[in-house]
Amino acid sequence: MEGEKIPVYMHSAAYAREHGELEQYRSSLRVNIACKNAIEEAVRDNFDGMHLKEDAAKAVVQEYGAERVAYILADTVRYKDWDRRFSRDTKSWVESIPIVAAPDSTGMDRSERYVVESHPTVLNGFISLARKEFARAKEEKNQEILKSFLESGKDSCAILQLKQTEETAQECFMNYKWLRDHGKEPQMEHYDVVYTGRLYSGTGLEDLFVQFNLFRPDDFTGHSLSVSDIVALKQDGVVSCYYVDSVGFCKLPDFHLENYLKNAEMLLEDDLSMVDGIINNGSKEKERPSILEKLKNMPEPVPTSRPAVRREERGLE
């Protein structure tokens, strides 16, 4: 689990040198390379010539963390953006992952050192499996935060923000009237719990709106509190939820966090074979498509930009 403890360094060597962060840069680079090697090993060990095992990505994600594995995979696909063997869905997903160019003093892009060299079609299948693990890990974290909020013996608040998916794209930043006009209600399955903390006496909803726009806590990872977010309050042991509306807040009497938490484990366990980054959307008995058939039917790639040329290993910056 050491790899998961070292954060992904999101700046270049030049930036690290200028800001006295070379050790963080070097540590992250080493782990990036180790993660790349682990991905290649997982692909080799879990591909039988026809299919990848369903848990092919699980150990790598557990060892290196969802953020780093996603970073390495996204960097690989972007580096090989000319390769048509990566699906449109994969390339669309990659656009949501922030990548930072990492040139050294000679101009060499050190991100080349952690480009995964597995066969693109098989790697595309591995990415689908990894995305399922990312979704599972995120949902488990959601549950942990939510459980902490519900079990807190003190007055507390929680901030919920919409997940960035195709299903929630239309709902993002829309007011409550828009939802009702379209026959919708806020659903906990569409939200991530991005913050939970102490609710001090006398703090109201408007106070929280100001706090999470102008004086955001250091451990708050979401965007500024906005329309379509949900604020949950626990006061004297009673939980109430409020939709952030265009003006003010709308109480959600039927938005029950406790019920969601009870059902969450079943949602995670269902649909182990439907690999598309969405939890619980099909039967686990569904037959997996053969990667071998995809290999046979895929056209030969025609480079339209820089080829994935590997350079000799060099020392860390």
C-alpha atoms as a PDB file:
ATOM      1  CA  MET A   1       0.000   0.000   0.000  1.00  0.00           C
ATOM      2  CA  GLU A   2       3.063   2.275  -0.027  1.00  0.00           C
ATOM      3  CA  GLY A   3       2.270   3.456  -3.543  1.00  0.00           C
ATOM      4  CA  GLU A   4      -1.128   4.717  -2.476  1.00  0.00           C
ATOM      5  CA  LYS A   5       0.401   6.830   0.304  1.00  0.00           C
ATOM      6  CA  ILE A   6       2.638   8.839  -2.036  1.00  0.00           C
ATOM      7  CA  PRO A   7       0.519  11.485  -3.802  1.00  0.00           C
ATOM      8  CA  VAL A   8       0.621  11.980  -7.564  1.00  0.00           C
ATOM      9  CA  TYR A   9       2.863  14.988  -8.190  1.00  0.00           C
ATOM     10  CA  MET A  10       1.065  17.231 -10.659  1.00  0.00           C
ATOM     11  CA  HIS A  11       3.923  19.541 -11.692  1.00  0.00           C
ATOM     12  CA  SER A  12       7.061  19.400 -13.835  1.00  0.00           C
ATOM     13  CA  ALA A  13      10.621  18.887 -12.626  1.00  0.00           C
ATOM     14  CA  ALA A  14      11.324  22.569 -13.281  1.00  0.00           C
ATOM     15  CA  TYR A  15       8.431  23.580 -11.039  1.00  0.00           C
ATOM     16  CA  ALA A  16       9.572  21.131  -8.358  1.00  0.00           C
ATOM     17  CA  ARG A  17      13.109  22.505  -8.432  1.00  0.00           C
ATOM     18  CA  GLU A  18      11.905  26.083  -8.237  1.00  0.00           C
ATOM     19  CA  HIS A  19       9.619  25.352  -5.291  1.00  0.00           C
ATOM     20  CA  GLY A  20      11.917  23.030  -3.355  1.00  0.00           C
ATOM     21  CA  GLU A  21       9.793  19.958  -4.080  1.00  0.00           C
ATOM     22  CA  LEU A  22      12.225  17.752  -5.985  1.00  0.00           C
ATOM     23  CA  GLU A  23      11.924  14.927  -3.474  1.00  0.00           C
ATOM     24  CA  GLN A  24       8.141  14.819  -3.930  1.00  0.00           C
ATOM     25  CA  TYR A  25       8.628  14.877  -7.696  1.00  0.00           C
ATOM     26  CA  ARG A  26      11.186  12.063  -7.622  1.00  0.00           C
ATOM     27  CA  SER A  27       9.117   9.918  -5.272  1.00  0.00           C
ATOM     28  CA  SER A  28       6.027  10.313  -7.435  1.00  0.00           C
ATOM     29  CA  LEU A  29       7.986   9.513 -10.610  1.00  0.00           C
ATOM     30  CA  ARG A  30       9.374   6.319  -9.084  1.00  0.00           C
ATOM     31  CA  VAL A  31       5.917   5.177  -8.038  1.00  0.00           C
ATOM     32  CA  ASN A  32       4.467   6.096 -11.449  1.00  0.00           C
ATOM     33  CA  ILE A  33       7.014   3.813 -13.111  1.00  0.00           C
ATOM     34  CA  ALA A  34       6.325   1.032 -10.594  1.00  0.00           C
ATOM     35  CA  CYS A  35       2.588   1.415 -11.222  1.00  0.00           C
ATOM     36  CA  LYS A  36       3.124   1.195 -14.979  1.00  0.00           C
ATOM     37  CA  ASN A  37       5.104  -2.030 -14.510  1.00  0.00           C
ATOM     38  CA  ALA A  38       2.403  -3.425 -12.212  1.00  0.00           C
ATOM     39  CA  ILE A  39      -0.283  -2.710 -14.830  1.00  0.00           C
ATOM     40  CA  GLU A  40       1.707  -4.524 -17.515  1.00  0.00           C
ATOM     41  CA  GLU A  41       2.238  -7.479 -15.174  1.00  0.00           C
ATOM     42  CA  ALA A  42      -1.464  -7.587 -14.279  1.00  0.00           C
ATOM     43  CA  VAL A  43      -2.405  -7.636 -17.966  1.00  0.00           C
ATOM     44  CA  ARG A  44       0.048 -10.489 -18.670  1.00  0.00           C
ATOM     45  CA  ASP A  45      -1.050 -12.533 -15.676  1.00  0.00           C
ATOM     46  CA  ASN A  46      -4.798 -12.109 -16.173  1.00  0.00           C
ATOM     47  CA  PHE A  47      -5.244 -12.410 -19.941  1.00  0.00           C
ATOM     48  CA  ASP A  48      -5.869 -15.971 -21.116  1.00  0.00           C
ATOM     49  CA  GLY A  49      -5.780 -15.175 -24.837  1.00  0.00           C
ATOM     50  CA  MET A  50      -9.532 -14.601 -24.957  1.00  0.00           C
ATOM     51  CA  HIS A  51     -10.581 -12.698 -21.845  1.00  0.00           C
ATOM     52  CA  LEU A  52      -9.229 -10.648 -18.999  1.00  0.00           C
ATOM     53  CA  LYS A  53     -10.177 -11.886 -15.556  1.00  0.00           C
ATOM     54  CA  GLU A  54     -12.834  -9.741 -13.916  1.00  0.00           C
ATOM     55  CA  ASP A  55     -10.526  -8.782 -11.049  1.00  0.00           C
ATOM     56  CA  ALA A  56      -7.501  -8.061 -13.263  1.00  0.00           C
ATOM     57  CA  ALA A  57      -7.276  -4.438 -12.138  1.00  0.00           C
ATOM     58  CA  LYS A  58      -8.259  -4.885  -8.511  1.00  0.00           C
ATOM     59  CA  ALA A  59      -4.837  -5.549  -6.966  1.00  0.00           C
ATOM     60  CA  VAL A  60      -3.168  -2.699  -8.874  1.00  0.00           C
ATOM     61  CA  VAL A  61      -5.831  -0.201  -7.793  1.00  0.00           C
ATOM     62  CA  GLN A  62      -5.564  -1.374  -4.192  1.00  0.00           C
ATOM     63  CA  GLU A  63      -1.769  -1.102  -4.224  1.00  0.00           C
ATOM     64  CA  TYR A  64      -1.368   2.232  -6.019  1.00  0.00           C
ATOM     65  CA  GLY A  65      -4.720   3.934  -5.508  1.00  0.00           C
ATOM     66  CA  ALA A  66      -7.392   4.921  -7.997  1.00  0.00           C
ATOM     67  CA  GLU A  67      -5.925   8.392  -8.645  1.00  0.00           C
ATOM     68  CA  ARG A  68      -2.489   7.127  -9.721  1.00  0.00           C
ATOM     69  CA  VAL A  69      -3.745   4.195 -11.781  1.00  0.00           C
ATOM     70  CA  ALA A  70      -6.188   6.498 -13.578  1.00  0.00           C
ATOM     71  CA  TYR A  71      -3.362   8.987 -14.169  1.00  0.00           C
ATOM     72  CA  ILE A  72      -1.035   6.365 -15.677  1.00  0.00           C
ATOM     73  CA  LEU A  73      -3.749   4.875 -17.887  1.00  0.00           C
ATOM     74  CA  ALA A  74      -4.954   8.282 -19.070  1.00  0.00           C
ATOM     75  CA  ASP A  75      -1.406   9.410 -19.812  1.00  0.00           C
ATOM     76  CA  THR A  76      -0.868   6.245 -21.861  1.00  0.00           C
ATOM     77  CA  VAL A  77      -3.995   6.738 -23.974  1.00  0.00           C
ATOM     78  CA  ARG A  78      -3.188  10.409 -24.572  1.00  0.00           C
ATOM     79  CA  TYR A  79       0.359   9.544 -25.567  1.00  0.00           C
ATOM     80  CA  LYS A  80      -1.046   7.048 -28.079  1.00  0.00           C
ATOM     81  CA  ASP A  81      -3.992   9.180 -29.177  1.00  0.00           C
ATOM     82  CA  TRP A  82      -3.396   8.095 -32.779  1.00  0.00           C
ATOM     83  CA  ASP A  83      -4.213   4.469 -31.896  1.00  0.00           C
ATOM     84  CA  ARG A  84      -7.771   3.573 -32.940  1.00  0.00           C
ATOM     85  CA  ARG A  85      -7.720   0.413 -30.856  1.00  0.00           C
ATOM     86  CA  PHE A  86      -8.657   2.486 -27.832  1.00  0.00           C
ATOM     87  CA  SER A  87     -12.440   2.891 -27.805  1.00  0.00           C
ATOM     88  CA  ARG A  88     -14.257   6.201 -28.055  1.00  0.00           C
ATOM     89  CA  ASP A  89     -15.598   5.623 -24.558  1.00  0.00           C
ATOM     90  CA  THR A  90     -12.062   5.209 -23.224  1.00  0.00           C
ATOM     91  CA  LYS A  91     -10.832   8.344 -24.985  1.00  0.00           C
ATOM     92  CA  SER A  92     -13.836  10.279 -23.703  1.00  0.00           C
ATOM     93  CA  TRP A  93     -13.077   9.136 -20.148  1.00  0.00           C
ATOM     94  CA  VAL A  94      -9.438  10.182 -20.534  1.00  0.00           C
ATOM     95  CA  GLU A  95     -10.514  13.776 -21.173  1.00  0.00           C
ATOM     96  CA  SER A  96     -11.827  13.925 -17.593  1.00  0.00           C
ATOM     97  CA  ILE A  97      -8.427  13.024 -16.088  1.00  0.00           C
ATOM     98  CA  PRO A  98      -6.023  15.950 -15.550  1.00  0.00           C
ATOM     99  CA  ILE A  99      -2.537  15.297 -16.939  1.00  0.00           C
ATOM    100  CA  VAL A 100       0.480  17.551 -16.539  1.00  0.00           C
ATOM    101  CA  ALA A 101       3.373  17.540 -19.027  1.00  0.00           C
ATOM    102  CA  ALA A 102       6.612  16.675 -17.249  1.00  0.00           C
ATOM    103  CA  PRO A 103       9.588  17.880 -19.327  1.00  0.00           C
ATOM    104  CA  ASP A 104      13.019  17.820 -17.711  1.00  0.00           C
ATOM    105  CA  SER A 105      15.887  20.264 -18.267  1.00  0.00           C
ATOM    106  CA  THR A 106      16.692  18.643 -21.634  1.00  0.00           C
ATOM    107  CA  GLY A 107      13.122  18.919 -22.896  1.00  0.00           C
ATOM    108  CA  MET A 108      12.434  15.190 -22.588  1.00  0.00           C
ATOM    109  CA  ASP A 109       8.915  14.418 -21.462  1.00  0.00           C
ATOM    110  CA  ARG A 110       9.451  12.107 -18.507  1.00  0.00           C
ATOM    111  CA  SER A 111       5.857  10.924 -18.673  1.00  0.00           C
ATOM    112  CA  GLU A 112       7.078   8.663 -21.487  1.00  0.00           C
ATOM    113  CA  ARG A 113       8.696   6.528 -18.815  1.00  0.00           C
ATOM    114  CA  TYR A 114       5.337   5.408 -17.475  1.00  0.00           C
ATOM    115  CA  VAL A 115       3.478   4.810 -20.748  1.00  0.00           C
ATOM    116  CA  VAL A 116       2.020   1.279 -20.532  1.00  0.00           C
ATOM    117  CA  GLU A 117       3.229  -0.976 -23.356  1.00  0.00           C
ATOM    118  CA  SER A 118       0.570  -3.705 -23.184  1.00  0.00           C
ATOM    119  CA  HIS A 119      -1.365  -4.479 -26.385  1.00  0.00           C
ATOM    120  CA  PRO A 120      -3.807  -1.547 -26.874  1.00  0.00           C
ATOM    121  CA  THR A 121      -6.915  -3.705 -27.348  1.00  0.00           C
ATOM    122  CA  VAL A 122      -6.220  -5.751 -24.240  1.00  0.00           C
ATOM    123  CA  LEU A 123      -5.253  -2.604 -22.346  1.00  0.00           C
ATOM    124  CA  ASN A 124      -8.541  -1.023 -23.416  1.00  0.00           C
ATOM    125  CA  GLY A 125     -10.317  -3.916 -21.681  1.00  0.00           C
ATOM    126  CA  PHE A 126      -8.116  -3.464 -18.615  1.00  0.00           C
ATOM    127  CA  ILE A 127      -9.048   0.232 -18.505  1.00  0.00           C
ATOM    128  CA  SER A 128     -12.740  -0.722 -18.451  1.00  0.00           C
ATOM    129  CA  LEU A 129     -12.079  -3.051 -15.525  1.00  0.00           C
ATOM    130  CA  ALA A 130     -10.023  -0.385 -13.762  1.00  0.00           C
ATOM    131  CA  ARG A 131     -12.826   2.152 -14.170  1.00  0.00           C
ATOM    132  CA  LYS A 132     -15.152  -0.295 -12.459  1.00  0.00           C
ATOM    133  CA  GLU A 133     -12.681  -0.487  -9.580  1.00  0.00           C
ATOM    134  CA  PHE A 134     -12.474   3.314  -9.488  1.00  0.00           C
ATOM    135  CA  ALA A 135     -16.257   3.527  -9.211  1.00  0.00           C
ATOM    136  CA  ARG A 136     -16.272   0.878  -6.496  1.00  0.00           C
ATOM    137  CA  ALA A 137     -13.521   2.630  -4.525  1.00  0.00           C
ATOM    138  CA  LYS A 138     -15.298   5.973  -4.808  1.00  0.00           C
ATOM    139  CA  GLU A 139     -18.571   4.481  -3.688  1.00  0.00           C
ATOM    140  CA  GLU A 140     -16.896   2.827  -0.706  1.00  0.00           C
ATOM    141  CA  LYS A 141     -15.372   6.178   0.244  1.00  0.00           C
ATOM    142  CA  ASN A 142     -18.820   7.740  -0.120  1.00  0.00           C
ATOM    143  CA  GLN A 143     -20.185   5.186   2.312  1.00  0.00           C
ATOM    144  CA  GLU A 144     -17.399   5.766   4.818  1.00  0.00           C
ATOM    145  CA  ILE A 145     -17.932   9.538   4.836  1.00  0.00           C
ATOM    146  CA  LEU A 146     -21.698   9.160   5.005  1.00  0.00           C
ATOM    147  CA  LYS A 147     -21.483   6.632   7.836  1.00  0.00           C
ATOM    148  CA  SER A 148     -19.189   8.965   9.763  1.00  0.00           C
ATOM    149  CA  PHE A 149     -21.712  11.776   9.327  1.00  0.00           C
ATOM    150  CA  LEU A 150     -24.728   9.698  10.387  1.00  0.00           C
ATOM    151  CA  GLU A 151     -22.963   8.164  13.394  1.00  0.00           C
ATOM    152  CA  SER A 152     -21.486  11.414  14.669  1.00  0.00           C
ATOM    153  CA  GLY A 153     -22.578  12.222  18.192  1.00  0.00           C
ATOM    154  CA  LYS A 154     -22.239  15.944  17.495  1.00  0.00           C
ATOM    155  CA  ASP A 155     -24.213  18.295  15.328  1.00  0.00           C
ATOM    156  CA  SER A 156     -22.727  17.983  11.844  1.00  0.00           C
ATOM    157  CA  CYS A 157     -23.139  19.035   8.227  1.00  0.00           C
ATOM    158  CA  ALA A 158     -22.400  17.242   4.959  1.00  0.00           C
ATOM    159  CA  ILE A 159     -22.046  18.619   1.437  1.00  0.00           C
ATOM    160  CA  LEU A 160     -23.210  16.472  -1.498  1.00  0.00           C
ATOM    161  CA  GLN A 161     -22.397  17.301  -5.113  1.00  0.00           C
ATOM    162  CA  LEU A 162     -23.441  15.629  -8.344  1.00  0.00           C
ATOM    163  CA  LYS A 163     -21.196  12.979  -9.854  1.00  0.00           C
ATOM    164  CA  GLN A 164     -19.764  13.851 -13.250  1.00  0.00           C
ATOM    165  CA  THR A 165     -21.549  11.317 -15.445  1.00  0.00           C
ATOM    166  CA  GLU A 166     -23.670  11.394 -18.580  1.00  0.00           C
ATOM    167  CA  GLU A 167     -26.693  10.575 -16.423  1.00  0.00           C
ATOM    168  CA  THR A 168     -26.232  13.644 -14.212  1.00  0.00           C
ATOM    169  CA  ALA A 169     -24.936  16.090 -16.846  1.00  0.00           C
ATOM    170  CA  GLN A 170     -28.343  17.696 -17.419  1.00  0.00           C
ATOM    171  CA  GLU A 171     -29.063  18.038 -13.696  1.00  0.00           C
ATOM    172  CA  CYS A 172     -25.851  19.857 -12.825  1.00  0.00           C
ATOM    173  CA  PHE A 173     -26.497  23.470 -11.673  1.00  0.00           C
ATOM    174  CA  MET A 174     -30.222  23.191 -12.452  1.00  0.00           C
ATOM    175  CA  ASN A 175     -32.741  24.538  -9.953  1.00  0.00           C
ATOM    176  CA  TYR A 176     -35.393  22.477  -8.205  1.00  0.00           C
ATOM    177  CA  LYS A 177     -38.199  23.711 -10.459  1.00  0.00           C
ATOM    178  CA  TRP A 178     -36.314  22.421 -13.507  1.00  0.00           C
ATOM    179  CA  LEU A 179     -36.078  18.986 -11.892  1.00  0.00           C
ATOM    180  CA  ARG A 180     -39.788  18.898 -11.088  1.00  0.00           C
ATOM    181  CA  ASP A 181     -40.713  20.147 -14.573  1.00  0.00           C
ATOM    182  CA  HIS A 182     -38.759  17.202 -16.010  1.00  0.00           C
ATOM    183  CA  GLY A 183     -40.321  14.650 -13.688  1.00  0.00           C
ATOM    184  CA  LYS A 184     -37.178  14.281 -11.586  1.00  0.00           C
ATOM    185  CA  GLU A 185     -36.247  14.296  -7.920  1.00  0.00           C
ATOM    186  CA  PRO A 186     -32.730  14.385  -6.445  1.00  0.00           C
ATOM    187  CA  GLN A 187     -31.345  10.851  -6.061  1.00  0.00           C
ATOM    188  CA  MET A 188     -28.567   9.967  -3.644  1.00  0.00           C
ATOM    189  CA  GLU A 189     -27.101   7.588  -6.252  1.00  0.00           C
ATOM    190  CA  HIS A 190     -26.286  10.655  -8.351  1.00  0.00           C
ATOM    191  CA  TYR A 191     -24.257  12.352  -5.601  1.00  0.00           C
ATOM    192  CA  ASP A 192     -20.851  12.137  -3.953  1.00  0.00           C
ATOM    193  CA  VAL A 193     -20.347  13.200  -0.346  1.00  0.00           C
ATOM    194  CA  VAL A 194     -17.508  15.702  -0.731  1.00  0.00           C
ATOM    195  CA  TYR A 195     -17.370  16.996   2.834  1.00  0.00           C
ATOM    196  CA  THR A 196     -18.571  16.396   6.355  1.00  0.00           C
ATOM    197  CA  GLY A 197     -17.717  18.404   9.443  1.00  0.00           C
ATOM    198  CA  ARG A 198     -18.891  19.926  12.700  1.00  0.00           C
ATOM    199  CA  LEU A 199     -21.972  22.153  12.675  1.00  0.00           C
ATOM    200  CA  TYR A 200     -21.588  24.818  15.311  1.00  0.00           C
ATOM    201  CA  SER A 201     -24.467  26.330  17.219  1.00  0.00           C
ATOM    202  CA  GLY A 202     -26.162  29.179  15.417  1.00  0.00           C
ATOM    203  CA  THR A 203     -24.856  28.191  11.974  1.00  0.00           C
ATOM    204  CA  GLY A 204     -27.618  28.239   9.371  1.00  0.00           C
ATOM    205  CA  LEU A 205     -27.885  27.254   5.722  1.00  0.00           C
ATOM    206  CA  GLU A 206     -27.027  30.733   4.465  1.00  0.00           C
ATOM    207  CA  ASP A 207     -23.959  30.759   6.715  1.00  0.00           C
ATOM    208  CA  LEU A 208     -22.848  27.472   5.154  1.00  0.00           C
ATOM    209  CA  PHE A 209     -23.408  28.891   1.659  1.00  0.00           C
ATOM    210  CA  VAL A 210     -21.055  31.774   2.458  1.00  0.00           C
ATOM    211  CA  GLN A 211     -18.515  29.472   4.117  1.00  0.00           C
ATOM    212  CA  PHE A 212     -18.340  27.025   1.221  1.00  0.00           C
ATOM    213  CA  ASN A 213     -17.967  29.820  -1.297  1.00  0.00           C
ATOM    214  CA  LEU A 214     -15.679  32.336   0.383  1.00  0.00           C
ATOM    215  CA  PHE A 215     -14.048  30.510   3.315  1.00  0.00           C
ATOM    216  CA  ARG A 216     -13.826  26.914   2.166  1.00  0.00           C
ATOM    217  CA  PRO A 217     -12.147  24.501   4.617  1.00  0.00           C
ATOM    218  CA  ASP A 218      -8.766  23.097   3.575  1.00  0.00           C
ATOM    219  CA  ASP A 219     -10.144  19.546   3.455  1.00  0.00           C
ATOM    220  CA  PHE A 220     -13.098  20.505   1.254  1.00  0.00           C
ATOM    221  CA  THR A 221     -12.403  19.024  -2.196  1.00  0.00           C
ATOM    222  CA  GLY A 222     -15.571  20.008  -4.060  1.00  0.00           C
ATOM    223  CA  HIS A 223     -16.467  23.097  -6.058  1.00  0.00           C
ATOM    224  CA  SER A 224     -18.005  26.181  -4.437  1.00  0.00           C
ATOM    225  CA  LEU A 225     -21.456  25.453  -3.051  1.00  0.00           C
ATOM    226  CA  SER A 226     -23.828  25.891  -5.986  1.00  0.00           C
ATOM    227  CA  VAL A 227     -27.313  25.205  -7.328  1.00  0.00           C
ATOM    228  CA  SER A 228     -28.026  21.429  -7.502  1.00  0.00           C
ATOM    229  CA  ASP A 229     -25.798  20.670  -4.478  1.00  0.00           C
ATOM    230  CA  ILE A 230     -27.370  19.219  -1.341  1.00  0.00           C
ATOM    231  CA  VAL A 231     -26.645  20.231   2.245  1.00  0.00           C
ATOM    232  CA  ALA A 232     -27.388  17.651   4.949  1.00  0.00           C
ATOM    233  CA  LEU A 233     -27.683  18.759   8.557  1.00  0.00           C
ATOM    234  CA  LYS A 234     -27.619  16.583  11.653  1.00  0.00           C
ATOM    235  CA  GLN A 235     -29.013  18.477  14.631  1.00  0.00           C
ATOM    236  CA  ASP A 236     -29.914  16.825  17.934  1.00  0.00           C
ATOM    237  CA  GLY A 237     -29.689  13.448  16.206  1.00  0.00           C
ATOM    238  CA  VAL A 238     -32.167  14.381  13.447  1.00  0.00           C
ATOM    239  CA  VAL A 239     -30.982  14.473   9.808  1.00  0.00           C
ATOM    240  CA  SER A 240     -32.526  16.875   7.279  1.00  0.00           C
ATOM    241  CA  CYS A 241     -31.512  17.536   3.675  1.00  0.00           C
ATOM    242  CA  TYR A 242     -31.788  20.704   1.596  1.00  0.00           C
ATOM    243  CA  TYR A 243     -31.405  21.311  -2.145  1.00  0.00           C
ATOM    244  CA  VAL A 244     -29.399  24.414  -3.013  1.00  0.00           C
ATOM    245  CA  ASP A 245     -31.839  26.338  -5.217  1.00  0.00           C
ATOM    246  CA  SER A 246     -31.519  29.429  -7.388  1.00  0.00           C
ATOM    247  CA  VAL A 247     -32.710  31.424  -4.413  1.00  0.00           C
ATOM    248  CA  GLY A 248     -32.443  29.880  -0.972  1.00  0.00           C
ATOM    249  CA  PHE A 249     -32.824  26.198  -0.163  1.00  0.00           C
ATOM    250  CA  CYS A 250     -35.533  23.614  -0.754  1.00  0.00           C
ATOM    251  CA  LYS A 251     -36.101  20.994   1.948  1.00  0.00           C
ATOM    252  CA  LEU A 252     -36.101  17.366   0.721  1.00  0.00           C
ATOM    253  CA  PRO A 253     -38.302  15.365   3.112  1.00  0.00           C
ATOM    254  CA  ASP A 254     -37.990  12.169   1.040  1.00  0.00           C
ATOM    255  CA  PHE A 255     -34.207  12.264   0.629  1.00  0.00           C
ATOM    256  CA  HIS A 256     -33.163   9.613   3.163  1.00  0.00           C
ATOM    257  CA  LEU A 257     -29.425   9.107   3.601  1.00  0.00           C
ATOM    258  CA  GLU A 258     -29.967   6.231   6.032  1.00  0.00           C
ATOM    259  CA  ASN A 259     -31.848   4.156   3.460  1.00  0.00           C
ATOM    260  CA  TYR A 260     -29.152   4.726   0.868  1.00  0.00           C
ATOM    261  CA  LEU A 261     -26.436   3.535   3.238  1.00  0.00           C
ATOM    262  CA  LYS A 262     -28.375   0.352   4.008  1.00  0.00           C
ATOM    263  CA  ASN A 263     -28.716  -0.489   0.312  1.00  0.00           C
ATOM    264  CA  ALA A 264     -25.233   0.598  -0.797  1.00  0.00           C
ATOM    265  CA  GLU A 265     -23.481  -2.706  -0.104  1.00  0.00           C
ATOM    266  CA  MET A 266     -25.901  -4.597  -2.351  1.00  0.00           C
ATOM    267  CA  LEU A 267     -25.345  -2.036  -5.094  1.00  0.00           C
ATOM    268  CA  LEU A 268     -21.599  -2.624  -4.905  1.00  0.00           C
ATOM    269  CA  GLU A 269     -21.861  -6.391  -5.007  1.00  0.00           C
ATOM    270  CA  ASP A 270     -24.218  -6.587  -8.001  1.00  0.00           C
ATOM    271  CA  ASP A 271     -23.138  -6.598 -11.647  1.00  0.00           C
ATOM    272  CA  LEU A 272     -19.534  -7.742 -11.361  1.00  0.00           C
ATOM    273  CA  SER A 273     -19.217  -8.295 -15.090  1.00  0.00           C
ATOM    274  CA  MET A 274     -20.834  -5.192 -16.574  1.00  0.00           C
ATOM    275  CA  VAL A 275     -17.646  -3.162 -16.964  1.00  0.00           C
ATOM    276  CA  ASP A 276     -18.479   0.437 -17.814  1.00  0.00           C
ATOM    277  CA  GLY A 277     -17.768   2.438 -14.695  1.00  0.00           C
ATOM    278  CA  ILE A 278     -21.425   2.395 -13.587  1.00  0.00           C
ATOM    279  CA  ILE A 279     -22.353   0.449 -10.480  1.00  0.00           C
ATOM    280  CA  ASN A 280     -25.240  -2.028 -10.646  1.00  0.00           C
ATOM    281  CA  ASN A 281     -26.528  -1.814 -14.192  1.00  0.00           C
ATOM    282  CA  GLY A 282     -26.815  -5.397 -15.358  1.00  0.00           C
ATOM    283  CA  SER A 283     -26.616  -9.065 -14.595  1.00  0.00           C
ATOM    284  CA  LYS A 284     -23.388 -10.617 -13.360  1.00  0.00           C
ATOM    285  CA  GLU A 285     -24.171 -13.642 -15.512  1.00  0.00           C
ATOM    286  CA  LYS A 286     -23.793 -11.724 -18.748  1.00  0.00           C
ATOM    287  CA  GLU A 287     -21.119 -13.275 -20.968  1.00  0.00           C
ATOM    288  CA  ARG A 288     -18.020 -11.197 -21.534  1.00  0.00           C
ATOM    289  CA  PRO A 289     -17.099 -10.297 -25.106  1.00  0.00           C
ATOM    290  CA  SER A 290     -13.955 -11.978 -26.403  1.00  0.00           C
ATOM    291  CA  ILE A 291     -10.949  -9.684 -26.668  1.00  0.00           C
ATOM    292  CA  LEU A 292      -9.513 -12.112 -29.212  1.00  0.00           C
ATOM    293  CA  GLU A 293     -12.435 -11.376 -31.535  1.00  0.00           C
ATOM    294  CA  LYS A 294     -11.810  -7.653 -31.084  1.00  0.00           C
ATOM    295  CA  LEU A 295      -8.152  -8.181 -31.964  1.00  0.00           C
ATOM    296  CA  LYS A 296      -9.105  -9.990 -35.160  1.00  0.00           C
ATOM    297  CA  ASN A 297     -11.570  -7.325 -36.239  1.00  0.00           C
ATOM    298  CA  MET A 298      -9.598  -4.202 -35.346  1.00  0.00           C
ATOM    299  CA  PRO A 299      -7.894  -2.342 -38.228  1.00  0.00           C
ATOM    300  CA  GLU A 300      -4.191  -1.753 -38.104  1.00  0.00           C
ATOM    301  CA  PRO A 301      -3.451   1.551 -36.399  1.00  0.00           C
ATOM    302  CA  VAL A 302      -2.367   4.431 -38.575  1.00  0.00           C
ATOM    303  CA  PRO A 303      -0.346   7.004 -36.618  1.00  0.00           C
ATOM    304  CA  THR A 304      -1.662  10.541 -37.113  1.00  0.00           C
ATOM    305  CA  SER A 305       0.552  12.163 -34.495  1.00  0.00           C
ATOM    306  CA  ARG A 306       3.654  11.357 -32.528  1.00  0.00           C
ATOM    307  CA  PRO A 307       4.392   7.617 -32.310  1.00  0.00           C
ATOM    308  CA  ALA A 308       4.942   5.985 -28.932  1.00  0.00           C
ATOM    309  CA  VAL A 309       8.709   5.800 -29.217  1.00  0.00           C
ATOM    310  CA  ARG A 310      10.461   4.618 -26.073  1.00  0.00           C
ATOM    311  CA  ARG A 311      13.766   6.121 -25.074  1.00  0.00           C
ATOM    312  CA  GLU A 312      16.576   4.621 -23.034  1.00  0.00           C
ATOM    313  CA  GLU A 313      16.111   4.707 -19.276  1.00  0.00           C
ATOM    314  CA  ARG A 314      17.724   7.691 -17.640  1.00  0.00           C
ATOM    315  CA  GLY A 315      18.279   8.678 -14.053  1.00  0.00           C
ATOM    316  CA  LEU A 316      15.582  10.508 -12.179  1.00  0.00           C
ATOM    317  CA  GLU A 317      15.657  14.286 -12.449  1.00  0.00           C
END
